[in-house]
Amino acid sequence: MKIVIVTPETTTLDQEADFVVLPLFDGEAGFSPGHAPMIGRLGPGEIRVKSSGSQQSFYVDGGNVQIEGDVISVLTGSSTPAGEIDLAAAKEALSAAESMEAGTTILADSKRKAISQARAKIRVAEKAK
């Protein structure tokens, strides 16, 4: 099967894979060749791609996924190889997110999303070390 990860700026990954794990908004799910067609929403977290005995990991901050045929298409606002994440910057982003105001429903939602993304990025970065 093939996985393609696309951000507004670039195609982060376009390669064959034996198995892919995606961070869906309600938990992780694994996919192998021949999976039924699907459209889903991604949460912030780690995409793991296993191919020819090796594994690559990427942090994504959410987005959407479509599986059709043997192609997994991921559309996300941000995708970073796990080894390239700046752990200190991710921890600073978490501190900034935790100090955001949450006086209205919109601000509370923004704060919750920012905290979730920062925590997921920290988890992926620490796992990659």
Protein backbone atom coordinates (compact mmCIF):
# COMPACT_ATOMS: atom_id res chain seq x y z
CA MET A 1 0.00 0.00 0.00
CA LYS A 2 1.04 3.63 -0.32
CA ILE A 3 0.91 6.47 2.22
CA VAL A 4 0.91 10.13 1.28
CA ILE A 5 1.14 12.89 3.92
CA VAL A 6 0.33 16.36 2.58
CA THR A 7 0.49 19.75 4.34
CA PRO A 8 -0.42 23.12 2.82
CA GLU A 9 3.29 23.68 2.10
CA THR A 10 4.54 20.33 0.87
CA THR A 11 4.20 16.59 0.56
CA THR A 12 5.97 15.26 3.67
CA LEU A 13 5.85 11.60 2.71
CA ASP A 14 4.95 9.62 -0.41
CA GLN A 15 6.06 6.00 -0.19
CA GLU A 16 5.08 2.35 -0.05
CA ALA A 17 4.29 0.90 3.39
CA ASP A 18 3.58 -2.50 4.90
CA PHE A 19 1.62 -1.16 7.89
CA VAL A 20 0.53 2.31 9.07
CA VAL A 21 -0.67 3.47 12.50
CA LEU A 22 -2.67 6.71 12.58
CA PRO A 23 -3.72 8.92 15.52
CA LEU A 24 -7.45 9.17 14.91
CA PHE A 25 -9.31 11.72 17.04
CA ASP A 26 -10.67 8.94 19.26
CA GLY A 27 -7.59 6.68 19.46
CA GLU A 28 -4.94 4.96 17.38
CA ALA A 29 -5.78 2.61 14.52
CA GLY A 30 -3.56 0.38 12.41
CA PHE A 31 -3.99 -0.23 8.69
CA SER A 32 -2.56 -2.87 6.36
CA PRO A 33 -2.99 -3.48 2.62
CA GLY A 34 -6.52 -4.33 1.58
CA HIS A 35 -8.25 -2.22 4.25
CA ALA A 36 -11.81 -1.17 3.50
CA PRO A 37 -12.33 2.39 2.21
CA MET A 38 -12.59 4.94 5.00
CA ILE A 39 -12.61 8.65 5.74
CA GLY A 40 -11.64 9.79 9.22
CA ARG A 41 -10.55 12.69 11.39
CA LEU A 42 -7.06 12.71 12.87
CA GLY A 43 -6.14 13.97 16.29
CA PRO A 44 -2.71 15.32 17.19
CA GLY A 45 -0.17 12.53 17.53
CA GLU A 46 2.20 10.12 15.87
CA ILE A 47 1.92 8.46 12.49
CA ARG A 48 4.05 5.31 12.35
CA VAL A 49 4.94 3.86 8.97
CA LYS A 50 6.45 0.38 8.78
CA SER A 51 8.11 -0.52 5.52
CA SER A 52 10.64 -3.21 4.62
CA GLY A 53 11.56 -3.87 8.24
CA SER A 54 12.11 -0.23 9.21
CA GLN A 55 9.84 2.30 10.86
CA GLN A 56 9.41 6.05 10.38
CA SER A 57 7.46 8.31 12.72
CA PHE A 58 5.89 11.71 12.10
CA TYR A 59 4.07 14.15 14.37
CA VAL A 60 0.84 15.55 12.90
CA ASP A 61 -1.33 18.16 14.56
CA GLY A 62 -4.61 16.65 13.39
CA GLY A 63 -6.28 16.64 10.00
CA ASN A 64 -8.12 14.13 7.85
CA VAL A 65 -7.39 10.74 6.35
CA GLN A 66 -8.86 8.93 3.37
CA ILE A 67 -8.21 5.28 2.59
CA GLU A 68 -9.19 4.15 -0.89
CA GLY A 69 -7.78 1.16 -2.68
CA ASP A 70 -4.33 0.69 -1.23
CA VAL A 71 -3.66 4.43 -0.79
CA ILE A 72 -3.73 6.23 2.57
CA SER A 73 -3.99 9.99 2.04
CA VAL A 74 -3.34 12.19 5.06
CA LEU A 75 -4.15 15.91 4.91
CA THR A 76 -2.77 17.85 7.87
CA GLY A 77 -1.79 21.39 8.77
CA SER A 78 1.61 20.30 10.07
CA SER A 79 3.77 17.19 9.74
CA THR A 80 7.24 16.81 11.28
CA PRO A 81 9.54 13.77 11.31
CA ALA A 82 9.72 12.64 14.96
CA GLY A 83 13.50 13.02 15.13
CA GLU A 84 13.31 16.67 14.04
CA ILE A 85 10.98 17.87 16.81
CA ASP A 86 12.51 20.45 19.14
CA LEU A 87 11.54 19.09 22.58
CA ALA A 88 12.35 22.36 24.39
CA ALA A 89 10.15 24.33 21.98
CA ALA A 90 7.34 21.81 22.43
CA LYS A 91 7.56 22.19 26.21
CA GLU A 92 7.49 25.99 25.83
CA ALA A 93 4.40 25.66 23.61
CA LEU A 94 2.73 23.60 26.35
CA SER A 95 3.51 26.27 28.97
CA ALA A 96 2.15 28.97 26.67
CA ALA A 97 -0.99 26.94 25.96
CA GLU A 98 -1.62 26.30 29.65
CA SER A 99 -1.42 30.03 30.36
CA MET A 100 -3.92 30.98 27.63
CA GLU A 101 -7.15 32.63 28.69
CA ALA A 102 -10.29 30.52 28.53
CA GLY A 103 -13.04 33.01 29.40
CA THR A 104 -15.31 32.08 26.50
CA THR A 105 -16.24 28.81 24.85
CA ILE A 106 -14.15 29.66 21.79
CA LEU A 107 -11.10 30.54 23.89
CA ALA A 108 -11.54 27.41 26.01
CA ASP A 109 -11.68 25.27 22.86
CA SER A 110 -8.56 26.96 21.49
CA LYS A 111 -6.73 26.42 24.78
CA ARG A 112 -7.75 22.74 24.94
CA LYS A 113 -6.61 22.18 21.34
CA ALA A 114 -3.26 23.91 21.90
CA ILE A 115 -2.61 21.88 25.07
CA SER A 116 -3.52 18.63 23.31
CA GLN A 117 -1.22 19.39 20.37
CA ALA A 118 1.70 20.39 22.61
CA ARG A 119 1.35 17.28 24.79
CA ALA A 120 1.18 15.02 21.73
CA LYS A 121 4.26 16.67 20.23
CA ILE A 122 6.16 16.18 23.50
CA ARG A 123 5.17 12.48 23.61
CA VAL A 124 6.33 11.91 20.02
CA ALA A 125 9.60 13.79 20.59
CA GLU A 126 10.40 11.91 23.82
CA LYS A 127 9.64 8.58 22.16
CA ALA A 128 11.98 9.42 19.25
CA LYS A 129 14.93 10.15 21.56
